[in-house]
Amino acid sequence: MVALNISADLADKIQTEATTHGMTVEEYLRAAIKHERALAARKKIEREQTWWLSQPESKRATYKGEFVAIHDLSVVDHDKEEAALYKRVRQKYGKTSVLVIPADGVKEIQIYSPRVAR
């Protein structure tokens, strides 16, 4: 076991939150770290998507009909086959968040529901 020096006030808050959620302090901290990592990954992907879609049409047209992989605001790979691209990205970057998107951008999807709203 490793000791971590934190204030008594913070330790009390962590213990209270863990108890509220029916978890041990360690379980609670692991869940909080996992949540923060997921949030950071989502923000990275959103930032990269915004960057890609803000690029000039001429740059995006270079990859027409393909998928592009964006990492650290740069095109790091591209391919017509999304699965092949995704596999290479995973091999190179592991679990690091990398945006894989159609070069033309995400198309609008319409979902029709058989349910009638009243």
N, C-alpha and C. Protein backbone atom coordinates (compact mmCIF):
# COMPACT_ATOMS: atom_id res chain seq x y z
N MET A 1 0.85 -1.18 0.00
CA MET A 1 0.00 0.00 0.00
C MET A 1 0.89 1.24 0.00
N VAL A 2 0.45 2.25 -0.71
CA VAL A 2 1.18 3.51 -0.81
C VAL A 2 0.37 4.59 -0.10
N ALA A 3 1.06 5.43 0.63
CA ALA A 3 0.39 6.53 1.33
C ALA A 3 0.31 7.73 0.39
N LEU A 4 -0.81 8.40 0.43
CA LEU A 4 -1.03 9.60 -0.37
C LEU A 4 -1.39 10.71 0.60
N ASN A 5 -0.65 11.79 0.58
CA ASN A 5 -0.91 12.89 1.51
C ASN A 5 -1.92 13.86 0.92
N ILE A 6 -3.08 13.95 1.55
CA ILE A 6 -4.11 14.90 1.18
C ILE A 6 -4.65 15.53 2.45
N SER A 7 -5.35 16.62 2.30
CA SER A 7 -5.89 17.28 3.49
C SER A 7 -6.99 16.43 4.12
N ALA A 8 -7.20 16.64 5.39
CA ALA A 8 -8.24 15.91 6.11
C ALA A 8 -9.61 16.25 5.53
N ASP A 9 -9.80 17.50 5.14
CA ASP A 9 -11.06 17.93 4.55
C ASP A 9 -11.36 17.16 3.26
N LEU A 10 -10.35 17.05 2.39
CA LEU A 10 -10.54 16.32 1.14
C LEU A 10 -10.77 14.84 1.41
N ALA A 11 -10.03 14.27 2.34
CA ALA A 11 -10.21 12.86 2.70
C ALA A 11 -11.64 12.61 3.18
N ASP A 12 -12.18 13.53 3.98
CA ASP A 12 -13.55 13.40 4.47
C ASP A 12 -14.55 13.45 3.31
N LYS A 13 -14.33 14.37 2.37
CA LYS A 13 -15.23 14.49 1.21
C LYS A 13 -15.20 13.23 0.37
N ILE A 14 -14.01 12.68 0.15
CA ILE A 14 -13.89 11.45 -0.63
C ILE A 14 -14.61 10.31 0.08
N GLN A 15 -14.38 10.19 1.37
CA GLN A 15 -15.02 9.12 2.14
C GLN A 15 -16.54 9.25 2.10
N THR A 16 -17.05 10.47 2.24
CA THR A 16 -18.49 10.71 2.21
C THR A 16 -19.07 10.32 0.85
N GLU A 17 -18.41 10.74 -0.23
CA GLU A 17 -18.88 10.41 -1.58
C GLU A 17 -18.85 8.90 -1.82
N ALA A 18 -17.77 8.26 -1.40
CA ALA A 18 -17.66 6.81 -1.57
C ALA A 18 -18.79 6.10 -0.83
N THR A 19 -19.03 6.49 0.39
CA THR A 19 -20.09 5.89 1.20
C THR A 19 -21.46 6.12 0.55
N THR A 20 -21.68 7.34 0.08
CA THR A 20 -22.94 7.68 -0.59
C THR A 20 -23.20 6.79 -1.79
N HIS A 21 -22.13 6.44 -2.50
CA HIS A 21 -22.25 5.60 -3.69
C HIS A 21 -22.11 4.10 -3.38
N GLY A 22 -22.00 3.77 -2.10
CA GLY A 22 -21.89 2.37 -1.71
C GLY A 22 -20.59 1.72 -2.18
N MET A 23 -19.52 2.50 -2.16
CA MET A 23 -18.23 2.02 -2.64
C MET A 23 -17.17 2.22 -1.59
N THR A 24 -16.08 1.46 -1.75
CA THR A 24 -14.92 1.75 -0.92
C THR A 24 -14.26 2.99 -1.49
N VAL A 25 -13.37 3.60 -0.73
CA VAL A 25 -12.65 4.79 -1.21
C VAL A 25 -11.87 4.44 -2.47
N GLU A 26 -11.21 3.30 -2.48
CA GLU A 26 -10.43 2.90 -3.65
C GLU A 26 -11.32 2.71 -4.87
N GLU A 27 -12.46 2.05 -4.69
CA GLU A 27 -13.40 1.86 -5.82
C GLU A 27 -13.89 3.21 -6.34
N TYR A 28 -14.20 4.09 -5.41
CA TYR A 28 -14.69 5.41 -5.80
C TYR A 28 -13.64 6.20 -6.57
N LEU A 29 -12.40 6.18 -6.09
CA LEU A 29 -11.33 6.91 -6.78
C LEU A 29 -11.03 6.30 -8.14
N ARG A 30 -11.06 4.99 -8.24
CA ARG A 30 -10.86 4.34 -9.55
C ARG A 30 -11.96 4.77 -10.53
N ALA A 31 -13.20 4.80 -10.06
CA ALA A 31 -14.32 5.20 -10.91
C ALA A 31 -14.19 6.67 -11.31
N ALA A 32 -13.76 7.52 -10.39
CA ALA A 32 -13.59 8.94 -10.69
C ALA A 32 -12.49 9.15 -11.72
N ILE A 33 -11.40 8.42 -11.60
CA ILE A 33 -10.30 8.53 -12.57
C ILE A 33 -10.76 8.04 -13.94
N LYS A 34 -11.49 6.94 -13.97
CA LYS A 34 -12.01 6.39 -15.24
C LYS A 34 -12.93 7.41 -15.90
N HIS A 35 -13.78 8.03 -15.10
CA HIS A 35 -14.71 9.04 -15.62
C HIS A 35 -13.95 10.23 -16.20
N GLU A 36 -12.96 10.72 -15.49
CA GLU A 36 -12.18 11.87 -15.95
C GLU A 36 -11.41 11.56 -17.23
N ARG A 37 -10.88 10.34 -17.32
CA ARG A 37 -10.18 9.94 -18.56
C ARG A 37 -11.15 9.90 -19.74
N ALA A 38 -12.34 9.36 -19.51
CA ALA A 38 -13.34 9.29 -20.58
C ALA A 38 -13.76 10.69 -21.02
N LEU A 39 -13.93 11.58 -20.06
CA LEU A 39 -14.30 12.97 -20.36
C LEU A 39 -13.20 13.66 -21.17
N ALA A 40 -11.95 13.46 -20.79
CA ALA A 40 -10.82 14.05 -21.51
C ALA A 40 -10.74 13.49 -22.93
N ALA A 41 -10.98 12.20 -23.09
CA ALA A 41 -10.95 11.58 -24.41
C ALA A 41 -12.06 12.15 -25.29
N ARG A 42 -13.24 12.32 -24.72
CA ARG A 42 -14.36 12.89 -25.47
C ARG A 42 -14.05 14.31 -25.92
N LYS A 43 -13.47 15.12 -25.03
CA LYS A 43 -13.12 16.50 -25.37
C LYS A 43 -12.08 16.53 -26.48
N LYS A 44 -11.12 15.61 -26.43
CA LYS A 44 -10.09 15.53 -27.47
C LYS A 44 -10.72 15.22 -28.81
N ILE A 45 -11.61 14.23 -28.85
CA ILE A 45 -12.28 13.84 -30.09
C ILE A 45 -13.11 15.00 -30.63
N GLU A 46 -13.84 15.69 -29.76
CA GLU A 46 -14.66 16.83 -30.19
C GLU A 46 -13.78 17.95 -30.75
N ARG A 47 -12.64 18.21 -30.11
CA ARG A 47 -11.71 19.24 -30.58
C ARG A 47 -11.15 18.86 -31.95
N GLU A 48 -10.81 17.59 -32.12
CA GLU A 48 -10.27 17.14 -33.40
C GLU A 48 -11.32 17.16 -34.51
N GLN A 49 -12.56 16.81 -34.16
CA GLN A 49 -13.63 16.87 -35.16
C GLN A 49 -13.88 18.32 -35.59
N THR A 50 -13.91 19.23 -34.63
CA THR A 50 -14.09 20.64 -34.94
C THR A 50 -12.97 21.14 -35.84
N TRP A 51 -11.74 20.74 -35.52
CA TRP A 51 -10.59 21.15 -36.33
C TRP A 51 -10.73 20.62 -37.75
N TRP A 52 -11.04 19.33 -37.89
CA TRP A 52 -11.13 18.73 -39.22
C TRP A 52 -12.22 19.41 -40.05
N LEU A 53 -13.38 19.62 -39.46
CA LEU A 53 -14.49 20.21 -40.21
C LEU A 53 -14.25 21.69 -40.52
N SER A 54 -13.30 22.33 -39.83
CA SER A 54 -12.98 23.72 -40.11
C SER A 54 -11.89 23.86 -41.17
N GLN A 55 -11.32 22.75 -41.60
CA GLN A 55 -10.29 22.78 -42.63
C GLN A 55 -10.91 23.16 -43.98
N PRO A 56 -10.13 23.80 -44.84
CA PRO A 56 -10.67 24.19 -46.15
C PRO A 56 -11.17 22.97 -46.92
N GLU A 57 -12.23 23.19 -47.67
CA GLU A 57 -12.82 22.11 -48.47
C GLU A 57 -11.77 21.47 -49.38
N SER A 58 -10.85 22.26 -49.88
CA SER A 58 -9.81 21.73 -50.78
C SER A 58 -8.93 20.70 -50.06
N LYS A 59 -8.64 20.93 -48.79
CA LYS A 59 -7.83 19.97 -48.03
C LYS A 59 -8.62 18.69 -47.78
N ARG A 60 -9.87 18.84 -47.37
CA ARG A 60 -10.70 17.66 -47.10
C ARG A 60 -10.98 16.88 -48.38
N ALA A 61 -11.08 17.57 -49.52
CA ALA A 61 -11.36 16.91 -50.80
C ALA A 61 -10.23 15.96 -51.21
N THR A 62 -9.04 16.20 -50.69
CA THR A 62 -7.90 15.34 -50.97
C THR A 62 -8.20 13.89 -50.57
N TYR A 63 -9.05 13.73 -49.55
CA TYR A 63 -9.36 12.41 -49.00
C TYR A 63 -10.78 11.97 -49.35
N LYS A 64 -11.37 12.55 -50.38
CA LYS A 64 -12.76 12.26 -50.77
C LYS A 64 -12.98 10.75 -50.91
N GLY A 65 -14.06 10.28 -50.32
CA GLY A 65 -14.41 8.86 -50.37
C GLY A 65 -13.62 7.99 -49.40
N GLU A 66 -12.85 8.63 -48.54
CA GLU A 66 -12.05 7.88 -47.57
C GLU A 66 -12.42 8.28 -46.14
N PHE A 67 -11.87 7.53 -45.22
CA PHE A 67 -11.94 7.87 -43.81
C PHE A 67 -10.57 8.41 -43.43
N VAL A 68 -10.56 9.38 -42.53
CA VAL A 68 -9.30 9.93 -42.05
C VAL A 68 -9.18 9.71 -40.55
N ALA A 69 -7.94 9.54 -40.10
CA ALA A 69 -7.66 9.43 -38.68
C ALA A 69 -6.97 10.72 -38.26
N ILE A 70 -7.53 11.38 -37.25
CA ILE A 70 -7.02 12.66 -36.76
C ILE A 70 -6.50 12.47 -35.34
N HIS A 71 -5.25 12.89 -35.13
CA HIS A 71 -4.63 12.81 -33.80
C HIS A 71 -3.79 14.06 -33.61
N ASP A 72 -3.98 14.72 -32.50
CA ASP A 72 -3.27 15.97 -32.19
C ASP A 72 -3.39 16.98 -33.33
N LEU A 73 -4.63 17.13 -33.83
CA LEU A 73 -4.97 18.10 -34.87
C LEU A 73 -4.14 17.92 -36.14
N SER A 74 -3.97 16.66 -36.51
CA SER A 74 -3.23 16.33 -37.72
C SER A 74 -3.78 15.03 -38.31
N VAL A 75 -3.81 14.94 -39.63
CA VAL A 75 -4.20 13.69 -40.29
C VAL A 75 -3.03 12.74 -40.16
N VAL A 76 -3.25 11.61 -39.48
CA VAL A 76 -2.16 10.66 -39.26
C VAL A 76 -2.27 9.43 -40.15
N ASP A 77 -3.46 9.21 -40.76
CA ASP A 77 -3.65 8.06 -41.65
C ASP A 77 -4.98 8.24 -42.36
N HIS A 78 -5.17 7.50 -43.45
CA HIS A 78 -6.44 7.53 -44.17
C HIS A 78 -6.59 6.24 -44.96
N ASP A 79 -7.84 5.88 -45.26
CA ASP A 79 -8.10 4.64 -45.99
C ASP A 79 -9.55 4.65 -46.45
N LYS A 80 -9.82 3.95 -47.54
CA LYS A 80 -11.21 3.79 -48.01
C LYS A 80 -11.98 2.84 -47.10
N GLU A 81 -11.27 1.93 -46.46
CA GLU A 81 -11.89 0.94 -45.57
C GLU A 81 -11.75 1.39 -44.12
N GLU A 82 -12.89 1.70 -43.52
CA GLU A 82 -12.86 2.18 -42.13
C GLU A 82 -12.26 1.15 -41.18
N ALA A 83 -12.63 -0.12 -41.35
CA ALA A 83 -12.14 -1.17 -40.45
C ALA A 83 -10.62 -1.31 -40.53
N ALA A 84 -10.07 -1.25 -41.74
CA ALA A 84 -8.62 -1.36 -41.91
C ALA A 84 -7.91 -0.18 -41.26
N LEU A 85 -8.47 1.01 -41.44
CA LEU A 85 -7.91 2.21 -40.83
C LEU A 85 -7.95 2.11 -39.31
N TYR A 86 -9.10 1.71 -38.79
CA TYR A 86 -9.26 1.59 -37.35
C TYR A 86 -8.24 0.60 -36.77
N LYS A 87 -8.03 -0.51 -37.47
CA LYS A 87 -7.09 -1.52 -37.00
C LYS A 87 -5.67 -0.95 -36.94
N ARG A 88 -5.26 -0.23 -37.98
CA ARG A 88 -3.92 0.37 -37.98
C ARG A 88 -3.78 1.41 -36.87
N VAL A 89 -4.83 2.20 -36.68
CA VAL A 89 -4.80 3.23 -35.63
C VAL A 89 -4.64 2.57 -34.26
N ARG A 90 -5.37 1.52 -34.00
CA ARG A 90 -5.27 0.81 -32.71
C ARG A 90 -3.88 0.22 -32.52
N GLN A 91 -3.31 -0.33 -33.61
CA GLN A 91 -1.96 -0.91 -33.51
C GLN A 91 -0.93 0.17 -33.18
N LYS A 92 -1.08 1.33 -33.79
CA LYS A 92 -0.09 2.40 -33.60
C LYS A 92 -0.30 3.18 -32.31
N TYR A 93 -1.57 3.47 -31.95
CA TYR A 93 -1.85 4.37 -30.82
C TYR A 93 -2.45 3.68 -29.61
N GLY A 94 -2.71 2.39 -29.70
CA GLY A 94 -3.27 1.67 -28.56
C GLY A 94 -4.62 2.24 -28.15
N LYS A 95 -4.78 2.53 -26.87
CA LYS A 95 -6.05 3.03 -26.36
C LYS A 95 -6.18 4.56 -26.43
N THR A 96 -5.17 5.23 -26.97
CA THR A 96 -5.24 6.68 -27.11
C THR A 96 -6.40 7.05 -28.02
N SER A 97 -7.13 8.08 -27.67
CA SER A 97 -8.26 8.53 -28.47
C SER A 97 -7.78 9.14 -29.77
N VAL A 98 -8.27 8.59 -30.88
CA VAL A 98 -7.96 9.09 -32.21
C VAL A 98 -9.28 9.15 -32.96
N LEU A 99 -9.56 10.30 -33.56
CA LEU A 99 -10.79 10.46 -34.32
C LEU A 99 -10.68 9.76 -35.66
N VAL A 100 -11.64 8.90 -35.98
CA VAL A 100 -11.76 8.30 -37.30
C VAL A 100 -13.10 8.78 -37.84
N ILE A 101 -13.05 9.49 -38.96
CA ILE A 101 -14.24 10.16 -39.48
C ILE A 101 -14.22 10.11 -41.01
N PRO A 102 -15.40 10.05 -41.64
CA PRO A 102 -15.40 10.18 -43.10
C PRO A 102 -14.81 11.54 -43.48
N ALA A 103 -13.99 11.57 -44.49
CA ALA A 103 -13.34 12.82 -44.89
C ALA A 103 -14.36 13.91 -45.21
N ASP A 104 -15.53 13.50 -45.70
CA ASP A 104 -16.59 14.46 -46.04
C ASP A 104 -17.32 14.96 -44.80
N GLY A 105 -17.01 14.41 -43.64
CA GLY A 105 -17.70 14.77 -42.40
C GLY A 105 -18.84 13.81 -42.14
N VAL A 106 -19.39 13.88 -40.97
CA VAL A 106 -20.48 13.02 -40.57
C VAL A 106 -21.74 13.45 -41.30
N LYS A 107 -22.40 12.48 -41.90
CA LYS A 107 -23.65 12.77 -42.61
C LYS A 107 -24.81 12.78 -41.62
N GLU A 108 -25.82 13.53 -41.94
CA GLU A 108 -27.01 13.59 -41.10
C GLU A 108 -27.73 12.25 -41.17
N ILE A 109 -28.16 11.77 -40.03
CA ILE A 109 -28.89 10.51 -39.96
C ILE A 109 -30.29 10.82 -39.46
N GLN A 110 -31.27 10.31 -40.17
CA GLN A 110 -32.65 10.48 -39.73
C GLN A 110 -33.17 9.13 -39.26
N ILE A 111 -33.79 9.13 -38.11
CA ILE A 111 -34.36 7.91 -37.55
C ILE A 111 -35.86 8.12 -37.46
N TYR A 112 -36.58 7.22 -38.06
CA TYR A 112 -38.03 7.29 -38.04
C TYR A 112 -38.56 6.30 -37.01
N SER A 113 -39.49 6.75 -36.22
CA SER A 113 -40.07 5.92 -35.18
C SER A 113 -41.49 5.52 -35.53
N PRO A 114 -41.84 4.27 -35.30
CA PRO A 114 -43.20 3.85 -35.58
C PRO A 114 -44.19 4.35 -34.51
N ARG A 115 -43.66 4.90 -33.44
CA ARG A 115 -44.49 5.37 -32.35
C ARG A 115 -45.07 6.74 -32.68
N VAL A 116 -46.32 6.94 -32.37
CA VAL A 116 -47.00 8.20 -32.63
C VAL A 116 -47.04 9.01 -31.34
N ALA A 117 -46.52 10.22 -31.40
CA ALA A 117 -46.53 11.10 -30.23
C ALA A 117 -47.87 11.84 -30.18
N ARG A 118 -48.37 12.02 -28.96
CA ARG A 118 -49.65 12.74 -28.80
C ARG A 118 -49.47 13.94 -27.95
